[in-house]
Amino acid sequence: MCSTEFNTLLMGNADFLRPYAITLTKDSESAKDLYQETLFRALANREKYLAGTNIRAWLYTIMRNIFINNYRRGNRQYRLLDNAMGDFLLHQQQPSIGNYAENGLRVKDVHMAIYNLPVIFKQPFLLYFEGYKYYEIAMILNEPLGTVKSRIHFARKMLKSRIARY
């Protein structure tokens, strides 16, 4: 299929994309951007279109994939809404100020909970916490690998129940 035939076919079926873009984005400006991006991608990838197949389905798929990718990209970015004039979106890049005394108390509670674990669970858990691999802990303690894994698992469960308030 030559490029003029493809362009004619594309423009003849492009109007059906506008309502779908509005349905996805729920915003007219975002829908326009999505519509334009879809047409651009369709033109850029026209060699991937197989003549005789349903072009509307192909265009809907392109639009849906662009929308999903943009949505995922937006979730990865942390945004802060500024209530100033115009409601600008600011990217939050500065760390928040924490309460170091409260954090110190939490660390003490965690250490106390680890210290109060039964010895059979505390020893493998501390080795795991220090960065040893399961098989290394099994060799150090001269225990089977499955036993080490289960003891670390039970130690985690105990710690979660004791430190559940955080």
C-alpha atoms as a PDB file:
ATOM      1  CA  MET A   1       0.000   0.000   0.000  1.00  0.00           C
ATOM      2  CA  CYS A   2       1.461   3.356  -0.996  1.00  0.00           C
ATOM      3  CA  SER A   3       1.636   6.267   1.407  1.00  0.00           C
ATOM      4  CA  THR A   4      -1.137   8.283  -0.267  1.00  0.00           C
ATOM      5  CA  GLU A   5      -3.560   5.349  -0.007  1.00  0.00           C
ATOM      6  CA  PHE A   6      -2.625   4.872   3.639  1.00  0.00           C
ATOM      7  CA  ASN A   7      -3.035   8.601   4.376  1.00  0.00           C
ATOM      8  CA  THR A   8      -6.470   8.614   2.737  1.00  0.00           C
ATOM      9  CA  LEU A   9      -7.515   5.537   4.686  1.00  0.00           C
ATOM     10  CA  LEU A  10      -6.152   7.014   7.910  1.00  0.00           C
ATOM     11  CA  MET A  11      -7.883  10.369   7.531  1.00  0.00           C
ATOM     12  CA  GLY A  12     -11.143   8.681   6.576  1.00  0.00           C
ATOM     13  CA  ASN A  13     -11.140   6.756   9.851  1.00  0.00           C
ATOM     14  CA  ALA A  14      -9.470   9.270  12.171  1.00  0.00           C
ATOM     15  CA  ASP A  15     -12.674  11.018  13.268  1.00  0.00           C
ATOM     16  CA  PHE A  16     -13.800   7.914  15.145  1.00  0.00           C
ATOM     17  CA  LEU A  17     -10.823   8.327  17.478  1.00  0.00           C
ATOM     18  CA  ARG A  18     -11.926  11.645  19.007  1.00  0.00           C
ATOM     19  CA  PRO A  19     -14.792  10.289  21.146  1.00  0.00           C
ATOM     20  CA  TYR A  20     -12.621   7.377  22.271  1.00  0.00           C
ATOM     21  CA  ALA A  21      -9.853   9.786  23.314  1.00  0.00           C
ATOM     22  CA  ILE A  22     -12.325  11.815  25.389  1.00  0.00           C
ATOM     23  CA  THR A  23     -13.659   8.614  26.961  1.00  0.00           C
ATOM     24  CA  LEU A  24     -10.152   7.610  27.999  1.00  0.00           C
ATOM     25  CA  THR A  25      -8.852  10.952  29.258  1.00  0.00           C
ATOM     26  CA  LYS A  26     -12.024  12.663  30.518  1.00  0.00           C
ATOM     27  CA  ASP A  27     -10.431  15.955  29.455  1.00  0.00           C
ATOM     28  CA  SER A  28     -10.710  17.712  26.091  1.00  0.00           C
ATOM     29  CA  GLU A  29      -7.131  19.059  26.006  1.00  0.00           C
ATOM     30  CA  SER A  30      -5.627  15.711  26.964  1.00  0.00           C
ATOM     31  CA  ALA A  31      -7.891  14.059  24.401  1.00  0.00           C
ATOM     32  CA  LYS A  32      -6.537  16.353  21.677  1.00  0.00           C
ATOM     33  CA  ASP A  33      -2.969  15.479  22.662  1.00  0.00           C
ATOM     34  CA  LEU A  34      -3.786  11.775  22.688  1.00  0.00           C
ATOM     35  CA  TYR A  35      -5.492  12.058  19.287  1.00  0.00           C
ATOM     36  CA  GLN A  36      -2.490  13.829  17.749  1.00  0.00           C
ATOM     37  CA  GLU A  37      -0.027  11.374  19.270  1.00  0.00           C
ATOM     38  CA  THR A  38      -2.072   8.478  17.900  1.00  0.00           C
ATOM     39  CA  LEU A  39      -2.098   9.894  14.382  1.00  0.00           C
ATOM     40  CA  PHE A  40       1.625  10.606  14.591  1.00  0.00           C
ATOM     41  CA  ARG A  41       2.389   7.056  15.695  1.00  0.00           C
ATOM     42  CA  ALA A  42       0.133   5.629  13.002  1.00  0.00           C
ATOM     43  CA  LEU A  43       1.951   7.646  10.330  1.00  0.00           C
ATOM     44  CA  ALA A  44       5.350   6.764  11.760  1.00  0.00           C
ATOM     45  CA  ASN A  45       4.479   3.053  11.782  1.00  0.00           C
ATOM     46  CA  ARG A  46       2.489   2.782   8.555  1.00  0.00           C
ATOM     47  CA  GLU A  47       4.741  -0.016   7.300  1.00  0.00           C
ATOM     48  CA  LYS A  48       3.457  -2.167  10.179  1.00  0.00           C
ATOM     49  CA  TYR A  49      -0.142  -1.858   9.019  1.00  0.00           C
ATOM     50  CA  LEU A  50      -1.227  -4.847   6.946  1.00  0.00           C
ATOM     51  CA  ALA A  51      -3.459  -3.877   4.035  1.00  0.00           C
ATOM     52  CA  GLY A  52      -6.940  -5.295   4.321  1.00  0.00           C
ATOM     53  CA  THR A  53      -7.028  -5.442   8.114  1.00  0.00           C
ATOM     54  CA  ASN A  54      -9.350  -3.344  10.248  1.00  0.00           C
ATOM     55  CA  ILE A  55      -7.676   0.064  10.465  1.00  0.00           C
ATOM     56  CA  ARG A  56     -10.063   1.302  13.170  1.00  0.00           C
ATOM     57  CA  ALA A  57      -9.071  -1.527  15.475  1.00  0.00           C
ATOM     58  CA  TRP A  58      -5.416  -0.829  14.723  1.00  0.00           C
ATOM     59  CA  LEU A  59      -5.850   2.870  15.557  1.00  0.00           C
ATOM     60  CA  TYR A  60      -7.858   2.116  18.715  1.00  0.00           C
ATOM     61  CA  THR A  61      -5.081  -0.215  19.870  1.00  0.00           C
ATOM     62  CA  ILE A  62      -2.427   2.428  19.259  1.00  0.00           C
ATOM     63  CA  MET A  63      -4.454   5.009  21.188  1.00  0.00           C
ATOM     64  CA  ARG A  64      -5.149   2.689  24.093  1.00  0.00           C
ATOM     65  CA  ASN A  65      -1.471   1.728  24.380  1.00  0.00           C
ATOM     66  CA  ILE A  66      -0.365   5.377  24.340  1.00  0.00           C
ATOM     67  CA  PHE A  67      -2.922   6.195  27.033  1.00  0.00           C
ATOM     68  CA  ILE A  68      -1.799   3.290  29.239  1.00  0.00           C
ATOM     69  CA  ASN A  69       1.877   4.198  28.843  1.00  0.00           C
ATOM     70  CA  ASN A  70       1.197   7.843  29.704  1.00  0.00           C
ATOM     71  CA  TYR A  71      -0.873   6.804  32.709  1.00  0.00           C
ATOM     72  CA  ARG A  72       1.904   4.558  34.010  1.00  0.00           C
ATOM     73  CA  ARG A  73       4.490   7.264  33.424  1.00  0.00           C
ATOM     74  CA  GLY A  74       2.323   9.738  35.343  1.00  0.00           C
ATOM     75  CA  ASN A  75       2.010   7.388  38.312  1.00  0.00           C
ATOM     76  CA  ARG A  76       5.781   7.150  38.598  1.00  0.00           C
ATOM     77  CA  GLN A  77       6.174  10.884  38.960  1.00  0.00           C
ATOM     78  CA  TYR A  78       5.393  12.462  42.283  1.00  0.00           C
ATOM     79  CA  ARG A  79       3.333  15.567  41.819  1.00  0.00           C
ATOM     80  CA  LEU A  80       2.321  18.253  44.209  1.00  0.00           C
ATOM     81  CA  LEU A  81      -0.610  20.546  43.470  1.00  0.00           C
ATOM     82  CA  ASP A  82       0.149  24.176  44.216  1.00  0.00           C
ATOM     83  CA  ASN A  83      -2.941  26.127  45.266  1.00  0.00           C
ATOM     84  CA  ALA A  84      -1.555  29.349  43.839  1.00  0.00           C
ATOM     85  CA  MET A  85      -3.111  31.158  40.899  1.00  0.00           C
ATOM     86  CA  GLY A  86      -3.448  28.774  37.977  1.00  0.00           C
ATOM     87  CA  ASP A  87      -2.981  25.554  39.990  1.00  0.00           C
ATOM     88  CA  PHE A  88       0.460  24.666  38.699  1.00  0.00           C
ATOM     89  CA  LEU A  89       1.804  21.144  39.067  1.00  0.00           C
ATOM     90  CA  LEU A  90       5.154  21.072  40.787  1.00  0.00           C
ATOM     91  CA  HIS A  91       7.392  18.041  40.933  1.00  0.00           C
ATOM     92  CA  GLN A  92       8.259  17.245  44.510  1.00  0.00           C
ATOM     93  CA  GLN A  93      12.013  16.693  44.507  1.00  0.00           C
ATOM     94  CA  GLN A  94      12.961  17.911  47.938  1.00  0.00           C
ATOM     95  CA  PRO A  95      12.939  15.534  50.869  1.00  0.00           C
ATOM     96  CA  SER A  96      10.440  16.171  53.582  1.00  0.00           C
ATOM     97  CA  ILE A  97      11.674  17.120  57.009  1.00  0.00           C
ATOM     98  CA  GLY A  98      11.321  14.208  59.389  1.00  0.00           C
ATOM     99  CA  ASN A  99      11.134  13.909  63.118  1.00  0.00           C
ATOM    100  CA  TYR A 100      14.467  12.328  64.007  1.00  0.00           C
ATOM    101  CA  ALA A 101      13.480  11.657  67.609  1.00  0.00           C
ATOM    102  CA  GLU A 102      10.455   9.686  66.494  1.00  0.00           C
ATOM    103  CA  ASN A 103      12.565   7.763  63.985  1.00  0.00           C
ATOM    104  CA  GLY A 104      15.063   6.976  66.753  1.00  0.00           C
ATOM    105  CA  LEU A 105      12.270   5.564  68.901  1.00  0.00           C
ATOM    106  CA  ARG A 106      11.092   3.384  66.044  1.00  0.00           C
ATOM    107  CA  VAL A 107      14.584   2.020  65.462  1.00  0.00           C
ATOM    108  CA  LYS A 108      14.897   1.264  69.173  1.00  0.00           C
ATOM    109  CA  ASP A 109      11.563  -0.572  69.095  1.00  0.00           C
ATOM    110  CA  VAL A 110      12.687  -2.629  66.097  1.00  0.00           C
ATOM    111  CA  HIS A 111      15.980  -3.523  67.771  1.00  0.00           C
ATOM    112  CA  MET A 112      14.151  -4.452  70.971  1.00  0.00           C
ATOM    113  CA  ALA A 113      11.724  -6.660  69.039  1.00  0.00           C
ATOM    114  CA  ILE A 114      14.632  -8.413  67.302  1.00  0.00           C
ATOM    115  CA  TYR A 115      16.434  -8.844  70.633  1.00  0.00           C
ATOM    116  CA  ASN A 116      13.307 -10.447  72.141  1.00  0.00           C
ATOM    117  CA  LEU A 117      12.996 -13.056  69.386  1.00  0.00           C
ATOM    118  CA  PRO A 118      13.650 -16.651  70.451  1.00  0.00           C
ATOM    119  CA  VAL A 119      17.300 -17.600  69.825  1.00  0.00           C
ATOM    120  CA  ILE A 120      16.329 -20.213  67.254  1.00  0.00           C
ATOM    121  CA  PHE A 121      14.796 -17.439  65.069  1.00  0.00           C
ATOM    122  CA  LYS A 122      17.017 -14.516  66.078  1.00  0.00           C
ATOM    123  CA  GLN A 123      20.316 -16.004  64.951  1.00  0.00           C
ATOM    124  CA  PRO A 124      19.355 -16.741  61.300  1.00  0.00           C
ATOM    125  CA  PHE A 125      17.364 -13.514  61.056  1.00  0.00           C
ATOM    126  CA  LEU A 126      20.297 -11.372  62.216  1.00  0.00           C
ATOM    127  CA  LEU A 127      22.597 -13.062  59.716  1.00  0.00           C
ATOM    128  CA  TYR A 128      20.038 -12.467  56.962  1.00  0.00           C
ATOM    129  CA  PHE A 129      19.627  -8.868  58.110  1.00  0.00           C
ATOM    130  CA  GLU A 130      23.406  -8.389  57.864  1.00  0.00           C
ATOM    131  CA  GLY A 131      23.252  -9.400  54.208  1.00  0.00           C
ATOM    132  CA  TYR A 132      24.144 -13.073  54.152  1.00  0.00           C
ATOM    133  CA  LYS A 133      22.431 -15.278  51.574  1.00  0.00           C
ATOM    134  CA  TYR A 134      20.234 -18.178  52.654  1.00  0.00           C
ATOM    135  CA  TYR A 135      22.761 -20.810  51.623  1.00  0.00           C
ATOM    136  CA  GLU A 136      25.544 -18.963  53.498  1.00  0.00           C
ATOM    137  CA  ILE A 137      23.448 -18.859  56.666  1.00  0.00           C
ATOM    138  CA  ALA A 138      22.715 -22.574  56.284  1.00  0.00           C
ATOM    139  CA  MET A 139      26.446 -23.304  56.067  1.00  0.00           C
ATOM    140  CA  ILE A 140      27.297 -21.047  59.047  1.00  0.00           C
ATOM    141  CA  LEU A 141      24.608 -22.552  61.270  1.00  0.00           C
ATOM    142  CA  ASN A 142      25.046 -26.055  59.872  1.00  0.00           C
ATOM    143  CA  GLU A 143      21.297 -26.308  59.221  1.00  0.00           C
ATOM    144  CA  PRO A 144      19.337 -27.376  56.109  1.00  0.00           C
ATOM    145  CA  LEU A 145      18.455 -24.577  53.692  1.00  0.00           C
ATOM    146  CA  GLY A 146      14.691 -25.078  54.119  1.00  0.00           C
ATOM    147  CA  THR A 147      15.013 -24.824  57.903  1.00  0.00           C
ATOM    148  CA  VAL A 148      16.878 -21.517  57.600  1.00  0.00           C
ATOM    149  CA  LYS A 149      14.288 -20.112  55.210  1.00  0.00           C
ATOM    150  CA  SER A 150      11.378 -21.097  57.434  1.00  0.00           C
ATOM    151  CA  ARG A 151      13.031 -19.681  60.569  1.00  0.00           C
ATOM    152  CA  ILE A 152      13.648 -16.363  58.862  1.00  0.00           C
ATOM    153  CA  HIS A 153      10.065 -16.365  57.627  1.00  0.00           C
ATOM    154  CA  PHE A 154       8.692 -16.995  61.118  1.00  0.00           C
ATOM    155  CA  ALA A 155      11.004 -14.332  62.554  1.00  0.00           C
ATOM    156  CA  ARG A 156       9.593 -11.820  60.066  1.00  0.00           C
ATOM    157  CA  LYS A 157       6.027 -12.781  60.976  1.00  0.00           C
ATOM    158  CA  MET A 158       6.780 -12.336  64.675  1.00  0.00           C
ATOM    159  CA  LEU A 159       8.388  -8.967  64.071  1.00  0.00           C
ATOM    160  CA  LYS A 160       5.458  -7.795  61.956  1.00  0.00           C
ATOM    161  CA  SER A 161       3.004  -8.686  64.699  1.00  0.00           C
ATOM    162  CA  ARG A 162       5.089  -6.978  67.382  1.00  0.00           C
ATOM    163  CA  ILE A 163       5.776  -3.837  65.388  1.00  0.00           C
ATOM    164  CA  ALA A 164       2.360  -3.565  63.734  1.00  0.00           C
ATOM    165  CA  ARG A 165       1.639  -0.119  65.120  1.00  0.00           C
ATOM    166  CA  TYR A 166       4.050   1.524  62.642  1.00  0.00           C
END
